[in-house]
C-alpha cells in the first residue's frame, strides 16, 4: 500500500505573498464594514468608497483563484509520486466545510465553507481537458443563470417595484448581529443566517463568479502561470494592459448604459452583472501586476514580508473574526454604533500589523500555522506531521 506523506518541494513564494496580500485586503474590507454591521448604519464617504473600490469583492476572488492553484498543485505533486490524491482531497474539503460552518457560528460572512464546496467541485472536474475547463470558466464569468433572471425582468410587470430578496434577509441578520447575546447569535448563525448567505450568492451572481475564479486557478496551476521561469515580463505586461483596458471599457459601459434601463430589478441585475465583470477583470489585472512587479528585487523583498501571512492564512483569517466580531457586535463592545470609517480603518491596519509580526515570529519556530497543522494532520490522518522546527 502506498503511504501518503507530505511532499517536500520549493514553494513558489509569489503565491504565498499574493495570498497574504489578499488576506490583508479582505481584513481591511471587513474592518471598515464592521464585519457586516456597516450596512446597518451606513456611513458613505471617501474611505469606504476607496477601500471597496480597491479591495471589495476582489480579495475574496483572489483567494478563490489561489485556492484553485493549490488544488492543482496538490494533485500534481502526488501524481508525480504515483498517488491519486483525489479521495484524500475530498476528505480535506469536507474538513474545510466543517471548519467553515464552525467559524460561521460566530461570523456569518465566512468564506471557508464556500471554498470547501468549490474544492469538491474542483476535484470532480480536475481531469477535464483545459478547453473544457475554459468553457466552464466562460459559463461562470458570463453568469449565464443570472442572465436568464435579468431577461425575465423585462416580461415581469412588477419588476420596477421589486427589490432583491436578500435585502430583507440581510436586515434580519443585522438586527441579530447588533443586539443578540452570544448564545442567540450562535443559534441564529447555525441556521437562519445561511438563508441570506445563499440567496445573496445566487441573486447577485457571485456564486457563479466564485466558481469561475476557482476553476481559473485550476487552469493557472496547470499552465504553471506563477512559475517565474516560464513567465517572461512581456506575457505579464500584456495581461496587465489588456485587463486594465477591458476594465475601463466595462466600467464605462456600466456607467453609460445603466441609466437607459428601467429602474427596479432590471437595472439592479444589469449593475450587478457588469460589476462582477469589472471585478473579474480587476482581479486578473491585479494578479498580473503583482506577479510582474515581483520580478524586481526591491519590490519582491517588500512583497515577501507577506509570505508568512500567506502560509498561515487559515489561522489568521479565523483569528480576525475571533478578535473583531466581539469588538463590533452587540454581544461585545457594540462598536459598530460608535466607530467611524477612519477609526475602523486604523484598527484594521494596526491589527494586521500585529498579525504580520506574529506570523513572522511563529514561522521562526514552527513549520505550519496551528490550524494549518491540524488541517494537514487530519487530512493525512497522521499525528506525526512535523510541527516544531528542529
Protein backbone atom coordinates (compact mmCIF):
# COMPACT_ATOMS: atom_id res chain seq x y z
CA UNK A 1 0.00 0.00 0.00
CA UNK A 2 1.37 3.42 -0.99
CA UNK A 3 1.98 5.58 2.05
CA UNK A 4 0.70 9.14 1.98
CA UNK A 5 3.38 11.59 3.03
CA UNK A 6 3.68 15.34 2.64
CA UNK A 7 5.74 16.21 -0.40
CA UNK A 8 8.77 18.41 0.09
CA UNK A 9 9.36 20.90 -2.69
CA UNK A 10 10.29 24.50 -3.08
CA UNK A 11 7.30 26.75 -2.52
CA UNK A 12 6.50 29.47 -5.01
CA UNK A 13 6.83 32.41 -2.66
CA UNK A 14 4.95 34.72 -5.02
CA UNK A 15 1.80 32.67 -4.37
CA UNK A 16 2.24 32.88 -0.60
CA UNK A 17 2.90 36.62 -0.87
CA UNK A 18 -0.19 37.16 -3.03
CA UNK A 19 -2.30 35.11 -0.61
CA UNK A 20 -1.00 37.26 2.25
CA UNK A 21 -1.87 40.42 0.31
CA UNK A 22 -5.38 39.10 -0.39
CA UNK A 23 -5.83 38.30 3.29
CA UNK A 24 -4.75 41.83 4.22
CA UNK A 25 -7.19 43.37 1.73
CA UNK A 26 -10.02 41.13 2.92
CA UNK A 27 -9.36 42.10 6.53
CA UNK A 28 -9.37 45.82 5.71
CA UNK A 29 -12.73 45.41 3.93
CA UNK A 30 -14.14 43.54 6.92
CA UNK A 31 -12.84 46.22 9.29
CA UNK A 32 -14.45 49.18 7.51
CA UNK A 33 -17.55 47.00 7.02
CA UNK A 34 -17.67 46.40 10.82
CA UNK A 35 -17.84 42.69 9.95
CA UNK A 36 -21.12 43.37 8.06
CA UNK A 37 -22.74 45.80 10.53
CA UNK A 38 -21.66 48.84 8.49
CA UNK A 39 -24.76 48.19 6.39
CA UNK A 40 -26.96 48.54 9.47
CA UNK A 41 -25.95 52.21 9.75
CA UNK A 42 -24.08 53.12 6.53
CA UNK A 43 -21.56 55.96 6.52
CA UNK A 44 -20.76 56.51 2.83
CA UNK A 45 -17.68 58.56 2.12
CA UNK A 46 -14.20 58.62 0.67
CA UNK A 47 -12.68 55.95 2.92
CA UNK A 48 -15.48 53.47 2.36
CA UNK A 49 -15.62 54.07 -1.40
CA UNK A 50 -11.84 53.80 -1.79
CA UNK A 51 -11.48 50.61 0.25
CA UNK A 52 -14.34 48.90 -1.58
CA UNK A 53 -13.10 50.04 -4.99
CA UNK A 54 -9.62 48.67 -4.33
CA UNK A 55 -10.46 45.54 -2.35
CA UNK A 56 -14.22 44.90 -2.21
CA UNK A 57 -15.06 41.55 -3.84
CA UNK A 58 -11.58 41.36 -5.34
CA UNK A 59 -9.67 39.88 -2.41
CA UNK A 60 -12.12 37.01 -1.82
CA UNK A 61 -11.90 36.38 -5.57
CA UNK A 62 -8.10 36.28 -5.42
CA UNK A 63 -8.37 33.78 -2.57
CA UNK A 64 -10.58 31.59 -4.77
CA UNK A 65 -8.08 31.76 -7.64
CA UNK A 66 -5.20 30.77 -5.36
CA UNK A 67 -7.37 28.03 -3.86
CA UNK A 68 -7.74 26.55 -7.35
CA UNK A 69 -3.98 26.80 -7.88
CA UNK A 70 -3.40 24.97 -4.58
CA UNK A 71 -5.79 22.17 -5.56
CA UNK A 72 -3.94 21.62 -8.82
CA UNK A 73 -0.56 21.74 -7.07
CA UNK A 74 -1.52 19.09 -4.53
CA UNK A 75 -2.96 16.79 -7.19
CA UNK A 76 0.04 17.25 -9.49
CA UNK A 77 2.69 16.69 -6.83
CA UNK A 78 1.13 13.50 -5.56
CA UNK A 79 0.50 12.29 -9.10
CA UNK A 80 4.23 12.61 -9.74
CA UNK A 81 4.67 10.07 -6.95
CA UNK A 82 2.08 7.73 -8.44
CA UNK A 83 -0.62 8.62 -5.89
CA UNK A 84 -4.20 9.54 -6.83
CA UNK A 85 -4.88 12.16 -4.17
CA UNK A 86 -8.47 12.96 -5.19
CA UNK A 87 -10.12 10.86 -2.50
CA UNK A 88 -7.97 12.40 0.20
CA UNK A 89 -8.76 15.87 -1.14
CA UNK A 90 -12.48 15.17 -0.86
CA UNK A 91 -11.92 14.40 2.83
CA UNK A 92 -9.76 17.54 3.15
CA UNK A 93 -12.57 19.71 1.79
CA UNK A 94 -15.17 18.05 3.98
CA UNK A 95 -12.98 19.12 6.90
CA UNK A 96 -12.84 22.66 5.48
CA UNK A 97 -16.65 22.72 5.23
CA UNK A 98 -16.88 21.68 8.88
CA UNK A 99 -14.37 24.38 9.88
CA UNK A 100 -16.29 26.92 7.83
CA UNK A 101 -19.56 26.00 9.49
CA UNK A 102 -17.97 26.30 12.94
CA UNK A 103 -16.43 29.67 12.02
CA UNK A 104 -19.78 30.78 10.62
CA UNK A 105 -21.40 30.36 14.02
CA UNK A 106 -19.50 33.49 15.06
CA UNK A 107 -19.19 35.31 11.73
CA UNK A 108 -21.87 34.68 9.13
CA UNK A 109 -19.69 36.18 6.39
CA UNK A 110 -17.38 33.13 6.48
CA UNK A 111 -15.93 32.07 3.12
CA UNK A 112 -14.34 28.78 4.21
CA UNK A 113 -17.50 26.72 3.75
CA UNK A 114 -17.94 28.15 0.24
CA UNK A 115 -14.32 27.33 -0.60
CA UNK A 116 -14.80 23.80 0.71
CA UNK A 117 -17.76 23.28 -1.63
CA UNK A 118 -15.74 24.71 -4.51
CA UNK A 119 -12.96 22.29 -3.61
CA UNK A 120 -15.34 19.34 -4.08
CA UNK A 121 -16.27 20.77 -7.49
CA UNK A 122 -12.61 21.11 -8.48
CA UNK A 123 -11.88 17.51 -7.53
CA UNK A 124 -14.83 16.40 -9.68
CA UNK A 125 -13.67 18.31 -12.79
CA UNK A 126 -9.87 18.26 -12.37
CA UNK A 127 -9.37 15.63 -15.11
CA UNK A 128 -11.23 17.63 -17.76
CA UNK A 129 -9.13 18.95 -20.65
CA UNK A 130 -8.09 22.58 -20.43
CA UNK A 131 -10.57 23.52 -23.19
CA UNK A 132 -13.41 22.05 -21.13
CA UNK A 133 -12.29 23.94 -18.03
CA UNK A 134 -12.17 27.17 -20.03
CA UNK A 135 -15.75 26.60 -21.21
CA UNK A 136 -16.83 26.27 -17.59
CA UNK A 137 -14.91 29.45 -16.74
CA UNK A 138 -16.72 31.30 -19.55
CA UNK A 139 -20.10 29.98 -18.34
CA UNK A 140 -19.38 31.18 -14.82
CA UNK A 141 -17.93 34.58 -15.68
CA UNK A 142 -20.76 35.30 -18.14
CA UNK A 143 -23.12 34.48 -15.25
CA UNK A 144 -25.45 32.62 -17.61
CA UNK A 145 -28.13 31.74 -14.99
CA UNK A 146 -28.19 35.37 -13.85
CA UNK A 147 -28.57 36.47 -17.47
CA UNK A 148 -31.81 34.46 -17.61
CA UNK A 149 -33.01 36.15 -14.40
CA UNK A 150 -32.14 39.52 -15.93
CA UNK A 151 -34.04 38.72 -19.14
CA UNK A 152 -37.08 37.59 -17.15
CA UNK A 153 -37.43 41.02 -15.52
CA UNK A 154 -38.39 42.60 -18.85
CA UNK A 155 -41.56 40.49 -19.04
CA UNK A 156 -42.43 40.96 -15.35
CA UNK A 157 -44.74 43.90 -14.84
CA UNK A 158 -43.81 44.07 -11.14
CA UNK A 159 -40.05 44.21 -11.68
CA UNK A 160 -39.91 48.01 -11.40
CA UNK A 161 -41.22 47.89 -7.82
CA UNK A 162 -39.48 44.73 -6.62
CA UNK A 163 -36.29 44.59 -4.59
CA UNK A 164 -33.63 41.91 -4.30
CA UNK A 165 -34.78 39.19 -1.90
CA UNK A 166 -31.56 39.26 0.11
CA UNK A 167 -32.13 42.87 1.22
CA UNK A 168 -34.86 41.94 3.71
CA UNK A 169 -32.94 38.86 4.81
CA UNK A 170 -29.81 40.93 5.38
CA UNK A 171 -31.71 43.39 7.57
CA UNK A 172 -32.90 40.47 9.69
CA UNK A 173 -29.26 39.44 10.07
CA UNK A 174 -28.17 42.93 11.09
CA UNK A 175 -30.81 43.13 13.82
CA UNK A 176 -29.42 39.94 15.35
CA UNK A 177 -25.76 40.94 14.97
CA UNK A 178 -26.42 44.32 16.59
CA UNK A 179 -28.37 43.19 19.63
CA UNK A 180 -28.37 39.42 20.23
CA UNK A 181 -26.40 37.82 23.07
CA UNK A 182 -23.68 35.39 22.05
CA UNK A 183 -25.71 32.20 22.52
CA UNK A 184 -28.55 33.57 20.39
CA UNK A 185 -26.06 34.69 17.74
CA UNK A 186 -24.70 31.14 17.55
CA UNK A 187 -28.21 29.68 17.23
CA UNK A 188 -29.16 32.16 14.52
CA UNK A 189 -25.95 31.76 12.51
CA UNK A 190 -26.27 27.97 12.72
CA UNK A 191 -29.41 28.05 10.55
CA UNK A 192 -31.18 31.29 9.63
CA UNK A 193 -28.13 33.27 8.52
CA UNK A 194 -27.45 30.74 5.76
CA UNK A 195 -30.70 31.63 4.01
CA UNK A 196 -29.44 35.17 3.43
CA UNK A 197 -25.95 33.96 2.51
CA UNK A 198 -27.04 31.68 -0.31
CA UNK A 199 -29.84 33.91 -1.59
CA UNK A 200 -27.24 36.69 -1.78
CA UNK A 201 -24.69 34.49 -3.58
CA UNK A 202 -27.14 33.30 -6.22
CA UNK A 203 -29.13 36.51 -6.64
CA UNK A 204 -26.04 38.66 -7.19
CA UNK A 205 -24.32 36.09 -9.43
CA UNK A 206 -21.40 35.79 -7.01
CA UNK A 207 -21.91 32.04 -6.68
CA UNK A 208 -21.05 31.68 -10.37
CA UNK A 209 -18.15 34.11 -10.41
CA UNK A 210 -16.55 32.49 -7.34
CA UNK A 211 -16.76 29.13 -9.11
CA UNK A 212 -15.18 30.78 -12.15
CA UNK A 213 -12.30 32.10 -10.06
CA UNK A 214 -11.63 28.69 -8.52
CA UNK A 215 -11.69 26.91 -11.89
CA UNK A 216 -9.45 29.65 -13.31
CA UNK A 217 -6.97 28.85 -10.55
CA UNK A 218 -7.01 25.21 -11.61
CA UNK A 219 -6.14 26.34 -15.16
CA UNK A 220 -3.42 28.73 -13.95
CA UNK A 221 -1.87 25.92 -11.97
CA UNK A 222 -1.99 23.62 -14.97
CA UNK A 223 -0.16 26.13 -17.19
CA UNK A 224 2.31 26.98 -14.36
CA UNK A 225 1.37 30.65 -14.53
CA UNK A 226 3.18 31.55 -11.32
CA UNK A 227 6.38 29.78 -12.23
CA UNK A 228 8.71 32.69 -12.88
CA UNK A 229 10.99 30.53 -15.03
CA UNK A 230 8.14 30.04 -17.52
CA UNK A 231 6.72 33.57 -17.41
CA UNK A 232 8.51 36.42 -19.06
CA UNK A 233 7.76 40.07 -18.48
CA UNK A 234 6.05 40.52 -21.83
CA UNK A 235 3.40 37.92 -21.06
CA UNK A 236 2.55 39.51 -17.71
CA UNK A 237 2.71 43.02 -19.14
CA UNK A 238 0.30 42.06 -21.93
CA UNK A 239 -2.13 40.59 -19.40
CA UNK A 240 -1.85 43.72 -17.29
CA UNK A 241 -2.55 46.09 -20.20
CA UNK A 242 -5.41 44.02 -21.66
CA UNK A 243 -7.02 43.55 -18.23
CA UNK A 244 -6.79 47.25 -17.39
CA UNK A 245 -8.16 48.33 -20.80
CA UNK A 246 -11.06 45.87 -20.57
CA UNK A 247 -11.81 47.03 -17.00
CA UNK A 248 -12.10 50.63 -18.18
CA UNK A 249 -14.40 49.60 -21.04
CA UNK A 250 -16.70 47.58 -18.75
CA UNK A 251 -16.81 50.38 -16.19
CA UNK A 252 -17.70 52.85 -18.95
CA UNK A 253 -20.45 50.59 -20.30
CA UNK A 254 -21.94 50.23 -16.83
CA UNK A 255 -21.88 53.98 -16.24
CA UNK A 256 -23.34 54.87 -19.65
CA UNK A 257 -25.90 52.10 -20.13
CA UNK A 258 -27.39 51.67 -16.66
CA UNK A 259 -29.50 54.88 -16.86
CA UNK A 260 -31.03 53.57 -20.12
CA UNK A 261 -32.53 50.56 -18.34
CA UNK A 262 -35.78 50.80 -16.42
CA UNK A 263 -35.40 51.25 -12.69
CA UNK A 264 -36.05 48.26 -10.47
CA UNK A 265 -34.79 44.72 -10.82
CA UNK A 266 -33.75 45.10 -14.47
CA UNK A 267 -31.29 47.87 -13.68
CA UNK A 268 -30.20 46.17 -10.47
CA UNK A 269 -29.34 42.92 -12.30
CA UNK A 270 -27.53 44.87 -15.01
CA UNK A 271 -25.41 46.72 -12.46
CA UNK A 272 -24.61 43.52 -10.55
CA UNK A 273 -23.56 41.61 -13.67
CA UNK A 274 -21.40 44.42 -15.03
CA UNK A 275 -19.98 44.97 -11.55
CA UNK A 276 -18.99 41.30 -11.35
CA UNK A 277 -17.37 41.53 -14.81
CA UNK A 278 -15.46 44.63 -13.72
CA UNK A 279 -14.24 42.89 -10.57
CA UNK A 280 -13.16 39.84 -12.58
CA UNK A 281 -11.05 41.98 -14.89
CA UNK A 282 -9.60 43.91 -11.97
CA UNK A 283 -8.66 40.65 -10.24
CA UNK A 284 -6.90 39.46 -13.40
CA UNK A 285 -5.15 42.82 -13.71
CA UNK A 286 -4.12 42.79 -10.06
CA UNK A 287 -2.69 39.26 -10.24
CA UNK A 288 -0.68 40.13 -13.36
CA UNK A 289 0.57 43.33 -11.71
CA UNK A 290 1.57 41.54 -8.51
CA UNK A 291 3.44 38.83 -10.44
CA UNK A 292 5.05 41.39 -12.79
CA UNK A 293 6.49 43.67 -10.09
CA UNK A 294 7.61 40.59 -8.13
CA UNK A 295 10.37 40.34 -10.71
CA UNK A 296 12.07 43.44 -9.26
CA UNK A 297 14.24 42.73 -6.23
CA UNK A 298 13.28 45.71 -4.06
CA UNK A 299 9.56 45.20 -4.53
CA UNK A 300 9.95 41.44 -4.18
CA UNK A 301 11.52 41.91 -0.76
CA UNK A 302 8.56 44.04 0.32
CA UNK A 303 6.06 41.53 -1.04
CA UNK A 304 7.84 38.67 0.70
CA UNK A 305 7.09 40.30 4.05
CA UNK A 306 3.60 38.93 3.42
CA UNK A 307 4.77 35.35 2.83
CA UNK A 308 4.36 34.15 6.45
CA UNK A 309 0.82 35.57 6.47
CA UNK A 310 0.01 33.72 3.26
CA UNK A 311 1.35 30.48 4.69
CA UNK A 312 -0.93 30.68 7.74
CA UNK A 313 -3.91 32.40 6.11
CA UNK A 314 -6.41 29.96 7.63
CA UNK A 315 -5.26 30.70 11.18
CA UNK A 316 -5.12 34.45 10.63
CA UNK A 317 -8.49 34.58 8.85
CA UNK A 318 -10.29 32.79 11.68
CA UNK A 319 -8.48 34.79 14.38
CA UNK A 320 -9.60 38.05 12.73
CA UNK A 321 -13.21 37.12 13.43
CA UNK A 322 -12.47 35.90 16.94
CA UNK A 323 -10.92 39.28 17.80
CA UNK A 324 -13.09 41.69 15.81
CA UNK A 325 -16.63 40.29 15.99
CA UNK A 326 -16.76 40.92 19.78
CA UNK A 327 -15.46 44.45 19.15
CA UNK A 328 -18.18 45.37 16.67
CA UNK A 329 -21.19 43.20 17.59
CA UNK A 330 -23.87 43.86 20.18
CA UNK A 331 -22.92 40.98 22.48
CA UNK A 332 -19.49 42.59 22.93
CA UNK A 333 -18.42 46.22 22.77
CA UNK A 334 -21.03 47.17 20.16
CA UNK A 335 -18.51 49.45 18.47
CA UNK A 336 -20.43 49.42 15.18
CA UNK A 337 -22.64 52.19 16.63
CA UNK A 338 -19.72 54.43 17.60
CA UNK A 339 -16.93 53.71 15.11
CA UNK A 340 -16.10 55.96 12.21
CA UNK A 341 -14.74 54.65 8.95
CA UNK A 342 -11.36 56.21 9.77
CA UNK A 343 -11.14 54.60 13.21
CA UNK A 344 -12.18 51.21 11.79
CA UNK A 345 -9.57 51.53 9.04
CA UNK A 346 -6.85 52.37 11.59
CA UNK A 347 -7.94 49.44 13.76
CA UNK A 348 -7.74 47.14 10.75
CA UNK A 349 -4.19 48.19 9.86
CA UNK A 350 -3.00 48.03 13.49
CA UNK A 351 -4.38 44.51 13.96
CA UNK A 352 -2.99 43.44 10.60
CA UNK A 353 0.44 44.73 11.61
CA UNK A 354 0.23 42.66 14.79
CA UNK A 355 -0.78 39.61 12.77
CA UNK A 356 2.22 40.10 10.48
CA UNK A 357 4.57 40.30 13.45
CA UNK A 358 3.00 37.18 14.94
CA UNK A 359 3.28 35.26 11.65
CA UNK A 360 7.00 36.11 11.30
CA UNK A 361 7.62 35.11 14.92
CA UNK A 362 5.65 31.88 14.54
CA UNK A 363 7.46 30.63 11.46
CA UNK A 364 10.78 31.20 13.15
CA UNK A 365 9.77 28.36 15.48
CA UNK A 366 7.15 26.22 13.77
CA UNK A 367 6.67 24.58 10.37
CA UNK A 368 2.93 25.24 9.94
CA UNK A 369 0.36 27.59 11.40
CA UNK A 370 -1.70 25.97 14.19
CA UNK A 371 -4.89 25.48 12.16
CA UNK A 372 -2.86 24.59 9.07
CA UNK A 373 -1.06 21.86 11.02
CA UNK A 374 -4.33 20.45 12.35
CA UNK A 375 -5.93 20.51 8.91
CA UNK A 376 -2.94 18.74 7.36
CA UNK A 377 -2.77 16.12 10.13
CA UNK A 378 -6.48 15.36 9.81
CA UNK A 379 -6.23 15.27 6.02
CA UNK A 380 -3.47 12.65 6.15
CA UNK A 381 -4.93 11.01 9.30
CA UNK A 382 -1.48 11.17 10.88
CA UNK A 383 -0.18 12.68 14.09
CA UNK A 384 3.49 12.79 13.08
CA UNK A 385 3.20 15.75 10.71
CA UNK A 386 6.19 17.96 11.68
CA UNK A 387 5.26 20.96 13.80
CA UNK A 388 8.29 22.42 15.61
CA UNK A 389 11.37 23.43 13.70
CA UNK A 390 14.37 21.36 14.72
